[in-house]
N, C-alpha and C. Protein backbone atom coordinates (compact mmCIF):
# COMPACT_ATOMS: atom_id res chain seq x y z
N MET A 1 16.40 -3.25 -18.36
CA MET A 1 15.47 -2.15 -18.59
C MET A 1 14.07 -2.61 -18.23
N LEU A 2 13.14 -1.73 -18.30
CA LEU A 2 11.76 -1.95 -17.87
C LEU A 2 10.98 -2.82 -18.86
N ASP A 3 10.14 -3.71 -18.34
CA ASP A 3 9.27 -4.54 -19.18
C ASP A 3 7.95 -3.80 -19.38
N PHE A 4 7.77 -3.22 -20.56
CA PHE A 4 6.59 -2.40 -20.84
C PHE A 4 5.32 -3.23 -21.03
N SER A 5 5.45 -4.55 -21.07
CA SER A 5 4.25 -5.39 -21.25
C SER A 5 3.54 -5.63 -19.92
N LYS A 6 4.18 -5.30 -18.82
CA LYS A 6 3.57 -5.52 -17.50
C LYS A 6 2.51 -4.46 -17.21
N ASN A 7 1.44 -4.91 -16.50
CA ASN A 7 0.47 -3.91 -16.05
C ASN A 7 1.07 -3.19 -14.85
N TYR A 8 0.40 -2.15 -14.39
CA TYR A 8 0.95 -1.31 -13.32
C TYR A 8 1.20 -2.10 -12.04
N PHE A 9 0.32 -3.02 -11.71
CA PHE A 9 0.49 -3.80 -10.49
C PHE A 9 1.72 -4.70 -10.61
N GLU A 10 1.85 -5.37 -11.75
CA GLU A 10 3.02 -6.23 -11.98
C GLU A 10 4.31 -5.42 -11.95
N LEU A 11 4.25 -4.24 -12.53
CA LEU A 11 5.42 -3.36 -12.57
C LEU A 11 5.96 -3.10 -11.16
N PHE A 12 5.03 -2.92 -10.21
CA PHE A 12 5.42 -2.62 -8.82
C PHE A 12 5.47 -3.86 -7.94
N GLY A 13 5.25 -5.03 -8.52
CA GLY A 13 5.31 -6.26 -7.74
C GLY A 13 4.18 -6.36 -6.72
N LEU A 14 3.02 -5.81 -7.07
CA LEU A 14 1.86 -5.81 -6.17
C LEU A 14 0.78 -6.73 -6.70
N PRO A 15 -0.01 -7.32 -5.81
CA PRO A 15 -1.15 -8.12 -6.29
C PRO A 15 -2.18 -7.19 -6.95
N VAL A 16 -2.83 -7.68 -7.98
CA VAL A 16 -3.86 -6.90 -8.65
C VAL A 16 -5.07 -6.84 -7.74
N GLY A 17 -5.41 -5.65 -7.28
CA GLY A 17 -6.55 -5.47 -6.39
C GLY A 17 -6.73 -4.01 -6.02
N TYR A 18 -7.88 -3.71 -5.50
CA TYR A 18 -8.19 -2.32 -5.18
C TYR A 18 -7.43 -1.82 -3.95
N ILE A 19 -7.24 -2.70 -2.99
CA ILE A 19 -6.49 -2.31 -1.80
C ILE A 19 -5.00 -2.43 -2.12
N VAL A 20 -4.29 -1.32 -1.92
CA VAL A 20 -2.86 -1.27 -2.25
C VAL A 20 -2.09 -0.90 -1.00
N ASP A 21 -1.00 -1.60 -0.77
CA ASP A 21 -0.10 -1.26 0.32
C ASP A 21 0.71 -0.05 -0.14
N THR A 22 0.34 1.13 0.35
CA THR A 22 0.96 2.37 -0.13
C THR A 22 2.43 2.46 0.25
N ASP A 23 2.82 1.88 1.38
CA ASP A 23 4.24 1.88 1.75
C ASP A 23 5.05 1.05 0.75
N GLN A 24 4.53 -0.12 0.43
CA GLN A 24 5.20 -0.98 -0.54
C GLN A 24 5.22 -0.30 -1.91
N LEU A 25 4.13 0.34 -2.29
CA LEU A 25 4.06 1.06 -3.55
C LEU A 25 5.15 2.13 -3.61
N SER A 26 5.27 2.93 -2.56
CA SER A 26 6.28 3.99 -2.53
C SER A 26 7.70 3.44 -2.58
N THR A 27 7.92 2.35 -1.85
CA THR A 27 9.25 1.74 -1.84
C THR A 27 9.64 1.25 -3.23
N HIS A 28 8.71 0.53 -3.88
CA HIS A 28 8.99 0.03 -5.23
C HIS A 28 9.14 1.18 -6.23
N TYR A 29 8.37 2.23 -6.03
CA TYR A 29 8.48 3.40 -6.91
C TYR A 29 9.90 3.97 -6.87
N ARG A 30 10.40 4.18 -5.67
CA ARG A 30 11.76 4.73 -5.54
C ARG A 30 12.81 3.79 -6.15
N GLU A 31 12.65 2.50 -5.91
CA GLU A 31 13.59 1.52 -6.47
C GLU A 31 13.57 1.54 -8.00
N LEU A 32 12.37 1.55 -8.57
CA LEU A 32 12.25 1.55 -10.02
C LEU A 32 12.80 2.85 -10.62
N GLN A 33 12.50 3.97 -9.98
CA GLN A 33 12.99 5.25 -10.50
C GLN A 33 14.52 5.30 -10.45
N ARG A 34 15.10 4.77 -9.39
CA ARG A 34 16.57 4.73 -9.31
C ARG A 34 17.15 3.91 -10.46
N ALA A 35 16.49 2.81 -10.78
CA ALA A 35 17.01 1.91 -11.81
C ALA A 35 16.93 2.49 -13.22
N VAL A 36 15.90 3.27 -13.49
CA VAL A 36 15.72 3.76 -14.87
C VAL A 36 15.88 5.26 -15.02
N HIS A 37 16.22 5.95 -13.95
CA HIS A 37 16.29 7.41 -14.02
C HIS A 37 17.22 7.84 -15.16
N PRO A 38 16.77 8.80 -15.97
CA PRO A 38 17.56 9.25 -17.13
C PRO A 38 18.98 9.70 -16.78
N ASP A 39 19.21 10.21 -15.59
CA ASP A 39 20.57 10.65 -15.21
C ASP A 39 21.56 9.48 -15.23
N ARG A 40 21.07 8.27 -14.95
CA ARG A 40 21.95 7.09 -14.96
C ARG A 40 22.37 6.72 -16.38
N PHE A 41 21.66 7.25 -17.37
CA PHE A 41 21.91 6.88 -18.76
C PHE A 41 22.44 8.05 -19.59
N ALA A 42 22.98 9.05 -18.91
CA ALA A 42 23.46 10.26 -19.60
C ALA A 42 24.55 9.93 -20.61
N ASN A 43 25.39 8.96 -20.33
CA ASN A 43 26.49 8.62 -21.25
C ASN A 43 26.19 7.38 -22.08
N SER A 44 24.93 6.97 -22.12
CA SER A 44 24.54 5.77 -22.87
C SER A 44 24.15 6.15 -24.30
N THR A 45 23.75 5.13 -25.05
CA THR A 45 23.33 5.37 -26.44
C THR A 45 22.01 6.15 -26.44
N GLU A 46 21.70 6.72 -27.58
CA GLU A 46 20.45 7.46 -27.75
C GLU A 46 19.25 6.56 -27.44
N GLN A 47 19.29 5.33 -27.91
CA GLN A 47 18.19 4.40 -27.67
C GLN A 47 18.04 4.10 -26.17
N GLU A 48 19.14 3.88 -25.47
CA GLU A 48 19.08 3.61 -24.03
C GLU A 48 18.54 4.82 -23.28
N ARG A 49 18.94 6.01 -23.68
CA ARG A 49 18.42 7.23 -23.03
C ARG A 49 16.92 7.37 -23.27
N ARG A 50 16.49 7.08 -24.50
CA ARG A 50 15.07 7.17 -24.83
C ARG A 50 14.27 6.14 -24.02
N LEU A 51 14.77 4.90 -23.96
CA LEU A 51 14.08 3.86 -23.18
C LEU A 51 14.04 4.22 -21.69
N SER A 52 15.10 4.83 -21.21
CA SER A 52 15.13 5.27 -19.82
C SER A 52 14.06 6.31 -19.56
N MET A 53 13.96 7.27 -20.47
CA MET A 53 12.96 8.33 -20.32
C MET A 53 11.55 7.74 -20.39
N GLN A 54 11.30 6.84 -21.34
CA GLN A 54 9.99 6.20 -21.45
C GLN A 54 9.68 5.38 -20.20
N GLY A 55 10.68 4.68 -19.68
CA GLY A 55 10.49 3.90 -18.46
C GLY A 55 10.15 4.79 -17.27
N SER A 56 10.85 5.90 -17.16
CA SER A 56 10.60 6.83 -16.07
C SER A 56 9.18 7.40 -16.15
N VAL A 57 8.76 7.74 -17.36
CA VAL A 57 7.40 8.27 -17.55
C VAL A 57 6.37 7.20 -17.19
N ARG A 58 6.59 5.97 -17.62
CA ARG A 58 5.65 4.88 -17.32
C ARG A 58 5.57 4.62 -15.82
N ILE A 59 6.70 4.64 -15.15
CA ILE A 59 6.72 4.43 -13.70
C ILE A 59 5.95 5.54 -12.99
N ASN A 60 6.16 6.78 -13.41
CA ASN A 60 5.42 7.90 -12.81
C ASN A 60 3.92 7.77 -13.04
N GLU A 61 3.55 7.43 -14.26
CA GLU A 61 2.14 7.26 -14.59
C GLU A 61 1.52 6.13 -13.77
N ALA A 62 2.22 5.02 -13.66
CA ALA A 62 1.73 3.88 -12.89
C ALA A 62 1.59 4.24 -11.41
N TYR A 63 2.57 4.93 -10.88
CA TYR A 63 2.55 5.32 -9.47
C TYR A 63 1.37 6.25 -9.18
N GLU A 64 1.21 7.27 -10.02
CA GLU A 64 0.10 8.21 -9.82
C GLU A 64 -1.25 7.50 -9.91
N THR A 65 -1.36 6.55 -10.80
CA THR A 65 -2.61 5.80 -10.97
C THR A 65 -2.89 4.92 -9.76
N LEU A 66 -1.89 4.20 -9.31
CA LEU A 66 -2.12 3.25 -8.22
C LEU A 66 -2.30 3.92 -6.86
N LYS A 67 -1.74 5.10 -6.67
CA LYS A 67 -1.88 5.74 -5.35
C LYS A 67 -3.21 6.49 -5.22
N ASP A 68 -3.88 6.79 -6.31
CA ASP A 68 -5.14 7.54 -6.27
C ASP A 68 -6.31 6.56 -6.39
N PRO A 69 -7.22 6.54 -5.40
CA PRO A 69 -8.31 5.56 -5.42
C PRO A 69 -9.23 5.67 -6.63
N VAL A 70 -9.43 6.88 -7.14
CA VAL A 70 -10.29 7.06 -8.31
C VAL A 70 -9.59 6.53 -9.56
N LEU A 71 -8.35 6.93 -9.76
CA LEU A 71 -7.60 6.47 -10.93
C LEU A 71 -7.37 4.96 -10.87
N ARG A 72 -7.08 4.45 -9.66
CA ARG A 72 -6.86 3.00 -9.49
C ARG A 72 -8.12 2.22 -9.86
N ALA A 73 -9.28 2.72 -9.46
CA ALA A 73 -10.54 2.04 -9.78
C ALA A 73 -10.76 2.02 -11.29
N GLY A 74 -10.53 3.14 -11.95
CA GLY A 74 -10.68 3.18 -13.40
C GLY A 74 -9.72 2.22 -14.09
N TYR A 75 -8.50 2.16 -13.59
CA TYR A 75 -7.50 1.26 -14.16
C TYR A 75 -7.91 -0.20 -13.96
N LEU A 76 -8.36 -0.54 -12.77
CA LEU A 76 -8.81 -1.91 -12.50
C LEU A 76 -9.99 -2.29 -13.39
N LEU A 77 -10.90 -1.35 -13.58
CA LEU A 77 -12.03 -1.62 -14.47
C LEU A 77 -11.52 -1.89 -15.89
N SER A 78 -10.55 -1.08 -16.33
CA SER A 78 -10.01 -1.29 -17.69
C SER A 78 -9.32 -2.66 -17.80
N LEU A 79 -8.63 -3.08 -16.74
CA LEU A 79 -8.01 -4.42 -16.75
C LEU A 79 -9.06 -5.52 -16.85
N ASN A 80 -10.27 -5.21 -16.39
CA ASN A 80 -11.37 -6.17 -16.46
C ASN A 80 -12.25 -5.95 -17.69
N GLY A 81 -11.76 -5.16 -18.64
CA GLY A 81 -12.47 -4.97 -19.90
C GLY A 81 -13.57 -3.94 -19.88
N ILE A 82 -13.63 -3.13 -18.81
CA ILE A 82 -14.66 -2.09 -18.72
C ILE A 82 -13.97 -0.74 -18.85
N ASN A 83 -14.16 -0.11 -19.98
CA ASN A 83 -13.53 1.18 -20.20
C ASN A 83 -14.50 2.30 -19.91
N MET A 84 -14.02 3.26 -19.18
CA MET A 84 -14.82 4.43 -18.84
C MET A 84 -14.61 5.47 -19.94
N GLU A 85 -15.70 6.00 -20.43
CA GLU A 85 -15.60 7.08 -21.41
C GLU A 85 -15.54 8.37 -20.61
N HIS A 86 -14.31 8.87 -20.41
CA HIS A 86 -14.06 10.01 -19.54
C HIS A 86 -14.99 11.18 -19.86
N GLY A 87 -15.80 11.53 -18.86
CA GLY A 87 -16.69 12.67 -18.98
C GLY A 87 -17.95 12.37 -19.77
N GLN A 88 -18.04 11.18 -20.34
CA GLN A 88 -19.19 10.85 -21.18
C GLN A 88 -20.28 10.11 -20.42
N GLU A 89 -19.94 9.55 -19.28
CA GLU A 89 -20.91 8.77 -18.52
C GLU A 89 -21.24 9.46 -17.22
N THR A 90 -22.42 9.17 -16.73
CA THR A 90 -22.82 9.69 -15.43
C THR A 90 -23.56 8.59 -14.68
N THR A 91 -23.63 8.73 -13.38
CA THR A 91 -24.33 7.75 -12.57
C THR A 91 -25.81 7.72 -12.92
N ARG A 92 -26.39 6.55 -12.78
CA ARG A 92 -27.82 6.39 -13.03
C ARG A 92 -28.62 6.51 -11.74
N ASP A 93 -27.94 6.76 -10.64
CA ASP A 93 -28.58 6.83 -9.33
C ASP A 93 -29.20 8.22 -9.14
N ALA A 94 -30.52 8.31 -9.35
CA ALA A 94 -31.22 9.59 -9.28
C ALA A 94 -31.14 10.21 -7.88
N VAL A 95 -31.18 9.39 -6.85
CA VAL A 95 -31.09 9.89 -5.47
C VAL A 95 -29.72 10.54 -5.26
N PHE A 96 -28.68 9.88 -5.72
CA PHE A 96 -27.34 10.43 -5.60
C PHE A 96 -27.23 11.75 -6.34
N LEU A 97 -27.77 11.83 -7.54
CA LEU A 97 -27.71 13.07 -8.32
C LEU A 97 -28.44 14.21 -7.61
N MET A 98 -29.56 13.91 -6.97
CA MET A 98 -30.27 14.93 -6.20
C MET A 98 -29.43 15.39 -5.02
N GLU A 99 -28.78 14.45 -4.35
CA GLU A 99 -27.90 14.80 -3.23
C GLU A 99 -26.77 15.71 -3.71
N GLN A 100 -26.25 15.45 -4.91
CA GLN A 100 -25.18 16.29 -5.44
C GLN A 100 -25.65 17.72 -5.65
N MET A 101 -26.87 17.86 -6.15
CA MET A 101 -27.42 19.21 -6.33
C MET A 101 -27.57 19.91 -4.99
N GLU A 102 -28.04 19.18 -4.00
CA GLU A 102 -28.20 19.75 -2.67
C GLU A 102 -26.85 20.12 -2.07
N LEU A 103 -25.85 19.28 -2.26
CA LEU A 103 -24.51 19.56 -1.74
C LEU A 103 -23.92 20.79 -2.42
N ARG A 104 -24.13 20.93 -3.71
CA ARG A 104 -23.63 22.11 -4.43
C ARG A 104 -24.29 23.38 -3.89
N GLU A 105 -25.60 23.30 -3.62
CA GLU A 105 -26.31 24.46 -3.06
C GLU A 105 -25.77 24.78 -1.67
N GLU A 106 -25.51 23.75 -0.89
CA GLU A 106 -24.95 23.92 0.46
C GLU A 106 -23.59 24.60 0.38
N LEU A 107 -22.78 24.16 -0.56
CA LEU A 107 -21.45 24.75 -0.71
C LEU A 107 -21.55 26.21 -1.15
N GLU A 108 -22.44 26.50 -2.06
CA GLU A 108 -22.61 27.88 -2.53
C GLU A 108 -23.10 28.78 -1.39
N ALA A 109 -23.95 28.25 -0.52
CA ALA A 109 -24.48 29.03 0.60
C ALA A 109 -23.41 29.29 1.66
N ALA A 110 -22.33 28.54 1.64
CA ALA A 110 -21.26 28.70 2.64
C ALA A 110 -20.67 30.10 2.61
N ARG A 111 -20.64 30.72 1.44
CA ARG A 111 -20.09 32.08 1.30
C ARG A 111 -20.74 33.07 2.26
N ASP A 112 -22.03 32.90 2.44
CA ASP A 112 -22.81 33.89 3.21
C ASP A 112 -22.98 33.53 4.68
N LYS A 113 -22.36 32.47 5.12
CA LYS A 113 -22.46 32.05 6.51
C LYS A 113 -21.50 32.88 7.37
N PRO A 114 -21.80 33.02 8.68
CA PRO A 114 -20.92 33.79 9.56
C PRO A 114 -19.49 33.24 9.62
N ASN A 115 -19.35 31.92 9.56
CA ASN A 115 -18.02 31.30 9.58
C ASN A 115 -17.90 30.36 8.38
N PRO A 116 -17.67 30.92 7.18
CA PRO A 116 -17.66 30.08 5.99
C PRO A 116 -16.56 29.02 6.00
N TYR A 117 -15.43 29.32 6.66
CA TYR A 117 -14.36 28.33 6.71
C TYR A 117 -14.78 27.07 7.46
N GLN A 118 -15.52 27.24 8.53
CA GLN A 118 -15.98 26.07 9.28
C GLN A 118 -17.00 25.29 8.46
N VAL A 119 -17.87 26.01 7.77
CA VAL A 119 -18.87 25.35 6.93
C VAL A 119 -18.16 24.53 5.84
N ILE A 120 -17.13 25.12 5.24
CA ILE A 120 -16.38 24.42 4.20
C ILE A 120 -15.64 23.22 4.78
N ALA A 121 -15.05 23.38 5.95
CA ALA A 121 -14.35 22.27 6.60
C ALA A 121 -15.31 21.12 6.89
N ASP A 122 -16.48 21.44 7.41
CA ASP A 122 -17.49 20.41 7.68
C ASP A 122 -17.96 19.75 6.38
N PHE A 123 -18.12 20.58 5.36
CA PHE A 123 -18.54 20.09 4.05
C PHE A 123 -17.51 19.09 3.50
N MET A 124 -16.22 19.48 3.55
CA MET A 124 -15.17 18.59 3.03
C MET A 124 -15.08 17.31 3.85
N SER A 125 -15.30 17.42 5.14
CA SER A 125 -15.29 16.23 5.99
C SER A 125 -16.41 15.28 5.57
N ASP A 126 -17.58 15.82 5.29
CA ASP A 126 -18.72 15.01 4.83
C ASP A 126 -18.41 14.36 3.48
N VAL A 127 -17.85 15.13 2.55
CA VAL A 127 -17.51 14.59 1.24
C VAL A 127 -16.46 13.49 1.38
N ASN A 128 -15.45 13.71 2.21
CA ASN A 128 -14.42 12.68 2.43
C ASN A 128 -15.01 11.42 3.04
N ARG A 129 -15.95 11.58 3.95
CA ARG A 129 -16.62 10.42 4.55
C ARG A 129 -17.36 9.63 3.46
N ARG A 130 -18.03 10.33 2.57
CA ARG A 130 -18.76 9.67 1.48
C ARG A 130 -17.79 8.94 0.54
N ILE A 131 -16.68 9.59 0.23
CA ILE A 131 -15.68 8.96 -0.64
C ILE A 131 -15.13 7.70 0.02
N ASN A 132 -14.82 7.78 1.31
CA ASN A 132 -14.28 6.62 2.02
C ASN A 132 -15.27 5.47 2.07
N ALA A 133 -16.56 5.79 2.17
CA ALA A 133 -17.58 4.74 2.15
C ALA A 133 -17.60 4.05 0.79
N LEU A 134 -17.45 4.83 -0.28
CA LEU A 134 -17.42 4.24 -1.61
C LEU A 134 -16.15 3.41 -1.81
N ILE A 135 -15.04 3.88 -1.28
CA ILE A 135 -13.79 3.13 -1.37
C ILE A 135 -13.96 1.76 -0.70
N ALA A 136 -14.58 1.74 0.46
CA ALA A 136 -14.81 0.47 1.17
C ALA A 136 -15.69 -0.46 0.34
N GLN A 137 -16.73 0.08 -0.27
CA GLN A 137 -17.60 -0.74 -1.11
C GLN A 137 -16.83 -1.30 -2.31
N MET A 138 -16.02 -0.43 -2.92
CA MET A 138 -15.29 -0.85 -4.10
C MET A 138 -14.26 -1.93 -3.79
N ALA A 139 -13.68 -1.87 -2.61
CA ALA A 139 -12.72 -2.91 -2.23
C ALA A 139 -13.39 -4.28 -2.27
N VAL A 140 -14.61 -4.35 -1.78
CA VAL A 140 -15.36 -5.60 -1.79
C VAL A 140 -15.76 -5.98 -3.21
N GLN A 141 -16.19 -4.97 -3.98
CA GLN A 141 -16.64 -5.25 -5.35
C GLN A 141 -15.50 -5.77 -6.22
N PHE A 142 -14.32 -5.18 -6.09
CA PHE A 142 -13.18 -5.65 -6.88
C PHE A 142 -12.67 -7.00 -6.38
N GLU A 143 -12.86 -7.27 -5.12
CA GLU A 143 -12.44 -8.57 -4.58
C GLU A 143 -13.27 -9.68 -5.22
N ALA A 144 -14.58 -9.47 -5.33
CA ALA A 144 -15.47 -10.46 -5.93
C ALA A 144 -15.28 -10.48 -7.46
N ALA A 145 -15.21 -9.31 -8.07
CA ALA A 145 -14.95 -9.12 -9.50
C ALA A 145 -15.88 -9.91 -10.43
N THR A 146 -17.12 -10.13 -9.99
CA THR A 146 -18.11 -10.72 -10.89
C THR A 146 -18.59 -9.60 -11.82
N PRO A 147 -19.22 -9.93 -12.93
CA PRO A 147 -19.71 -8.87 -13.81
C PRO A 147 -20.63 -7.88 -13.09
N ASP A 148 -21.52 -8.38 -12.22
CA ASP A 148 -22.40 -7.48 -11.47
C ASP A 148 -21.62 -6.60 -10.51
N GLN A 149 -20.64 -7.19 -9.83
CA GLN A 149 -19.83 -6.41 -8.88
C GLN A 149 -18.99 -5.37 -9.62
N LEU A 150 -18.46 -5.73 -10.79
CA LEU A 150 -17.68 -4.76 -11.57
C LEU A 150 -18.57 -3.62 -12.07
N GLU A 151 -19.79 -3.94 -12.43
CA GLU A 151 -20.74 -2.88 -12.85
C GLU A 151 -21.05 -1.97 -11.67
N ALA A 152 -21.20 -2.55 -10.48
CA ALA A 152 -21.44 -1.75 -9.27
C ALA A 152 -20.21 -0.88 -8.97
N ALA A 153 -19.02 -1.43 -9.17
CA ALA A 153 -17.78 -0.66 -8.96
C ALA A 153 -17.72 0.51 -9.94
N LYS A 154 -18.13 0.27 -11.16
CA LYS A 154 -18.16 1.35 -12.17
C LYS A 154 -19.11 2.46 -11.72
N GLU A 155 -20.26 2.07 -11.23
CA GLU A 155 -21.24 3.05 -10.74
C GLU A 155 -20.65 3.84 -9.57
N ASN A 156 -19.98 3.15 -8.66
CA ASN A 156 -19.35 3.83 -7.52
C ASN A 156 -18.22 4.74 -7.96
N LEU A 157 -17.49 4.34 -8.99
CA LEU A 157 -16.44 5.20 -9.52
C LEU A 157 -17.03 6.49 -10.06
N LEU A 158 -18.14 6.40 -10.77
CA LEU A 158 -18.80 7.60 -11.28
C LEU A 158 -19.21 8.52 -10.12
N LYS A 159 -19.69 7.93 -9.05
CA LYS A 159 -20.06 8.71 -7.87
C LYS A 159 -18.83 9.36 -7.24
N MET A 160 -17.74 8.60 -7.16
CA MET A 160 -16.50 9.15 -6.58
C MET A 160 -15.99 10.33 -7.41
N GLN A 161 -16.15 10.25 -8.71
CA GLN A 161 -15.72 11.36 -9.56
C GLN A 161 -16.52 12.62 -9.26
N PHE A 162 -17.82 12.46 -9.04
CA PHE A 162 -18.66 13.59 -8.64
C PHE A 162 -18.17 14.18 -7.33
N LEU A 163 -17.93 13.30 -6.36
CA LEU A 163 -17.53 13.75 -5.03
C LEU A 163 -16.15 14.40 -5.06
N LYS A 164 -15.26 13.86 -5.84
CA LYS A 164 -13.92 14.44 -5.95
C LYS A 164 -14.01 15.85 -6.54
N LYS A 165 -14.88 16.03 -7.50
CA LYS A 165 -15.08 17.35 -8.10
C LYS A 165 -15.68 18.31 -7.05
N LEU A 166 -16.59 17.82 -6.25
CA LEU A 166 -17.17 18.65 -5.18
C LEU A 166 -16.10 19.07 -4.19
N ARG A 167 -15.22 18.16 -3.84
CA ARG A 167 -14.14 18.48 -2.91
C ARG A 167 -13.23 19.54 -3.52
N TYR A 168 -12.94 19.41 -4.79
CA TYR A 168 -12.13 20.41 -5.49
C TYR A 168 -12.83 21.78 -5.46
N GLU A 169 -14.13 21.79 -5.68
CA GLU A 169 -14.89 23.05 -5.66
C GLU A 169 -14.86 23.67 -4.26
N ALA A 170 -14.92 22.85 -3.24
CA ALA A 170 -14.84 23.36 -1.86
C ALA A 170 -13.46 23.97 -1.60
N GLU A 171 -12.42 23.30 -2.06
CA GLU A 171 -11.06 23.83 -1.90
C GLU A 171 -10.90 25.14 -2.67
N SER A 172 -11.51 25.21 -3.84
CA SER A 172 -11.44 26.44 -4.64
C SER A 172 -12.18 27.59 -3.95
N LEU A 173 -13.32 27.29 -3.35
CA LEU A 173 -14.06 28.32 -2.63
C LEU A 173 -13.24 28.82 -1.44
N GLU A 174 -12.60 27.91 -0.76
CA GLU A 174 -11.76 28.29 0.37
C GLU A 174 -10.62 29.21 -0.09
N ALA A 175 -10.01 28.87 -1.21
CA ALA A 175 -8.93 29.72 -1.75
C ALA A 175 -9.47 31.07 -2.19
N GLU A 176 -10.65 31.07 -2.75
CA GLU A 176 -11.30 32.33 -3.17
C GLU A 176 -11.56 33.22 -1.95
N LEU A 177 -12.01 32.63 -0.87
CA LEU A 177 -12.24 33.39 0.35
C LEU A 177 -10.92 33.94 0.91
N ASP A 178 -9.86 33.13 0.82
CA ASP A 178 -8.54 33.59 1.26
C ASP A 178 -8.08 34.78 0.44
N ASP A 179 -8.29 34.73 -0.85
CA ASP A 179 -7.87 35.83 -1.73
C ASP A 179 -8.65 37.10 -1.46
N ALA A 180 -9.87 36.96 -0.97
CA ALA A 180 -10.71 38.14 -0.71
C ALA A 180 -10.34 38.85 0.59
N LEU A 181 -9.51 38.21 1.41
CA LEU A 181 -9.11 38.83 2.69
C LEU A 181 -8.16 39.99 2.49
């Protein structure tokens, strides 16, 4: 059965780090799910079925965390003793916060543009570019993993959360425009 004392990286046989081999992650995910899937334990004892279900849930949680760069960063920070207070913290970068306000205004103005879908597509491309730049920075920060680098990674994670929310808002606006057709 599954060793619940292992962290998510150990569970999947991956080195602890921000850069994850997604193919290897997916392969190990399928292997682990096959091994503990509740269907395999249908005729087992109640305890074995319960452990199977708990193992399956843990594997799913670990997989979702490791495949998402934002969740993975938060998890790595927690492994390094830095816990994020979900929704309670914000970036201290005033320039970044001003840019976020400007981006929100830009997104809101997209509704009234002649081709709002193109504006939204360009907007999402810009947001994705910004997220990818932060991902690259975080890879270096987690590699060094000094207290200063981890604090910088935390700051970048807060920024990524802002950007991810902006991307979601852009997708929502696009869906809203689709519904209005």
